[in-house]
Amino acid sequence: MRFLNKNMREIYYSNYLDKVPKYELDSNGNVAYMEMDGQSIPVETGDMEDMYSEPTLLKAYISTGTGNVNRNPFGLSINYDRIILTKKDVDINEASILWVESEPNLEIVNFQDTADYIVVGVADSLNHKHCAVKRITKSGDWYENKFQIK
């Protein structure tokens, strides 16, 4: 299967890196600091949060929806909204988050909160990578409950 360039869309993806301490934010949404022994130290909340890599631009083919398909590369048990096809050398994995219908907002501390989709399955073929993705629900405190999905 070959890709037609006119069918490719620009999206962003970010990979999970590690858990890091969560910091308190000031009224502007920036990390709050306190003075201790003449040094500015960020104020930790005691919780941990997921850290993601800086979003990377990617051109990919994006399906319109799941629908009824006779041949399903992910089996019958996986629940997904769309399939994204990319080149095989792209490093998307099952912990990646995506911006398909929006762009990442790097001006805020938790830019990952603006992601649209999360990858729920990856299948490699000879030349391509098929990624099953699920829409992230943005209502309420969705990030605290680790990517509630519709």
Protein backbone atom coordinates (compact mmCIF):
# COMPACT_ATOMS: atom_id res chain seq x y z
CA MET A 1 0.00 0.00 0.00
CA ARG A 2 1.33 3.43 -0.89
CA PHE A 3 0.25 6.76 0.51
CA LEU A 4 -1.04 9.60 -1.65
CA ASN A 5 0.41 12.86 -0.39
CA LYS A 6 -2.90 14.67 -0.87
CA ASN A 7 -4.55 12.23 1.58
CA MET A 8 -1.95 12.85 4.30
CA ARG A 9 -2.72 15.21 7.19
CA GLU A 10 -0.37 16.93 9.58
CA ILE A 11 -0.81 15.81 13.18
CA TYR A 12 1.36 15.92 16.29
CA TYR A 13 2.32 13.06 18.59
CA SER A 14 4.14 12.83 21.90
CA ASN A 15 5.59 9.74 23.59
CA TYR A 16 5.41 8.86 27.28
CA LEU A 17 8.76 9.36 29.03
CA ASP A 18 8.43 8.91 32.80
CA LYS A 19 6.60 9.87 35.99
CA VAL A 20 7.76 13.15 37.55
CA PRO A 21 6.76 15.12 40.67
CA LYS A 22 3.71 17.34 40.22
CA TYR A 23 4.22 21.02 41.09
CA GLU A 24 1.81 23.64 42.39
CA LEU A 25 0.82 26.30 39.88
CA ASP A 26 0.38 30.02 40.46
CA SER A 27 -2.60 32.07 39.24
CA ASN A 28 -1.00 32.40 35.76
CA GLY A 29 -0.60 28.64 35.35
CA ASN A 30 3.16 28.70 35.88
CA VAL A 31 5.07 26.58 38.41
CA ALA A 32 5.00 28.20 41.88
CA TYR A 33 8.35 28.75 43.64
CA MET A 34 9.32 29.38 47.25
CA GLU A 35 12.53 30.90 48.64
CA MET A 36 14.67 28.61 50.78
CA ASP A 37 18.21 29.55 51.83
CA GLY A 38 18.33 32.15 49.09
CA GLN A 39 17.35 29.70 46.34
CA SER A 40 14.09 29.45 44.41
CA ILE A 41 12.67 25.93 44.76
CA PRO A 42 9.52 24.69 42.97
CA VAL A 43 6.68 23.72 45.31
CA GLU A 44 5.80 20.02 44.98
CA THR A 45 2.26 18.76 45.62
CA GLY A 46 3.39 15.27 46.62
CA ASP A 47 1.67 13.69 43.61
CA MET A 48 3.31 12.27 40.49
CA GLU A 49 2.31 13.00 36.90
CA ASP A 50 3.20 11.60 33.50
CA MET A 51 5.85 13.37 31.46
CA TYR A 52 5.72 13.31 27.66
CA SER A 53 8.24 14.21 24.99
CA GLU A 54 7.92 17.47 23.09
CA PRO A 55 5.24 17.07 20.38
CA THR A 56 6.57 15.99 16.98
CA LEU A 57 4.97 16.90 13.65
CA LEU A 58 3.90 13.90 11.57
CA LYS A 59 2.18 13.43 8.22
CA ALA A 60 -0.22 10.50 8.34
CA TYR A 61 -3.35 9.06 6.77
CA ILE A 62 -6.31 9.25 9.18
CA SER A 63 -9.47 7.19 8.73
CA THR A 64 -12.86 8.83 9.13
CA GLY A 65 -14.17 6.38 11.73
CA THR A 66 -14.38 2.72 12.66
CA GLY A 67 -17.57 1.63 10.89
CA ASN A 68 -18.06 -2.01 9.97
CA VAL A 69 -14.97 -3.62 8.51
CA ASN A 70 -14.61 -7.22 7.36
CA ARG A 71 -10.87 -7.38 7.99
CA ASN A 72 -9.67 -5.80 11.23
CA PRO A 73 -5.89 -5.69 11.91
CA PHE A 74 -6.43 -5.29 15.67
CA GLY A 75 -8.91 -8.12 16.23
CA LEU A 76 -12.42 -7.79 17.61
CA SER A 77 -11.73 -6.94 21.25
CA ILE A 78 -10.00 -3.55 20.90
CA ASN A 79 -12.16 -0.43 21.13
CA TYR A 80 -10.97 2.45 18.92
CA ASP A 81 -12.34 5.46 17.03
CA ARG A 82 -9.92 5.86 14.11
CA ILE A 83 -6.96 4.22 12.46
CA ILE A 84 -3.86 6.22 11.62
CA LEU A 85 -1.41 4.91 9.03
CA THR A 86 2.18 6.13 9.14
CA LYS A 87 5.55 5.11 7.81
CA LYS A 88 7.07 2.18 9.66
CA ASP A 89 10.01 4.17 11.10
CA VAL A 90 7.79 6.52 13.16
CA ASP A 91 8.28 5.85 16.89
CA ILE A 92 4.60 5.96 17.96
CA ASN A 93 3.73 3.37 20.60
CA GLU A 94 0.76 2.38 22.76
CA ALA A 95 1.52 5.09 25.31
CA SER A 96 1.61 7.96 22.78
CA ILE A 97 -0.86 10.83 22.74
CA LEU A 98 -1.95 12.67 19.59
CA TRP A 99 -3.22 16.04 18.45
CA VAL A 100 -5.39 15.29 15.39
CA GLU A 101 -8.10 17.95 15.53
CA SER A 102 -6.05 20.59 17.34
CA GLU A 103 -2.45 21.64 17.95
CA PRO A 104 -0.49 21.25 21.19
CA ASN A 105 -0.35 24.33 23.38
CA LEU A 106 3.28 24.49 24.53
CA GLU A 107 2.68 27.72 26.46
CA ILE A 108 1.08 25.84 29.35
CA VAL A 109 2.91 23.54 31.77
CA ASN A 110 0.75 20.47 31.15
CA PHE A 111 0.61 20.65 27.34
CA GLN A 112 -0.40 16.96 27.26
CA ASP A 113 -3.81 17.96 28.64
CA THR A 114 -4.66 19.40 25.21
CA ALA A 115 -4.24 16.07 23.35
CA ASP A 116 -7.21 14.74 21.33
CA TYR A 117 -6.43 11.03 21.06
CA ILE A 118 -4.46 8.26 22.76
CA VAL A 119 -2.99 5.27 20.93
CA VAL A 120 -4.62 2.01 22.09
CA GLY A 121 -3.02 -0.41 19.61
CA VAL A 122 -0.14 -0.59 17.15
CA ALA A 123 0.28 -3.13 14.35
CA ASP A 124 3.26 -3.18 12.01
CA SER A 125 3.04 -4.26 8.40
CA LEU A 126 5.85 -4.62 5.90
CA ASN A 127 6.07 -0.89 5.08
CA HIS A 128 3.60 0.85 7.39
CA LYS A 129 2.48 1.20 10.97
CA HIS A 130 -1.26 1.01 11.77
CA CYS A 131 -2.27 2.80 14.98
CA ALA A 132 -5.70 2.36 16.56
CA VAL A 133 -6.56 5.57 18.42
CA LYS A 134 -9.30 6.49 20.89
CA ARG A 135 -10.67 10.00 21.50
CA ILE A 136 -9.83 11.47 24.92
CA THR A 137 -12.79 12.87 26.84
CA LYS A 138 -12.05 16.46 27.82
CA SER A 139 -14.95 17.02 30.21
CA GLY A 140 -14.12 17.38 33.88
CA ASP A 141 -10.75 16.56 35.34
CA TRP A 142 -9.90 14.00 32.64
CA TYR A 143 -6.14 13.96 33.16
CA GLU A 144 -6.38 13.06 36.86
CA ASN A 145 -8.32 9.92 35.89
CA LYS A 146 -5.65 8.94 33.31
CA PHE A 147 -7.23 9.51 29.95
CA GLN A 148 -10.91 8.72 30.31
CA ILE A 149 -11.94 7.64 26.85
CA LYS A 150 -15.35 7.69 25.20
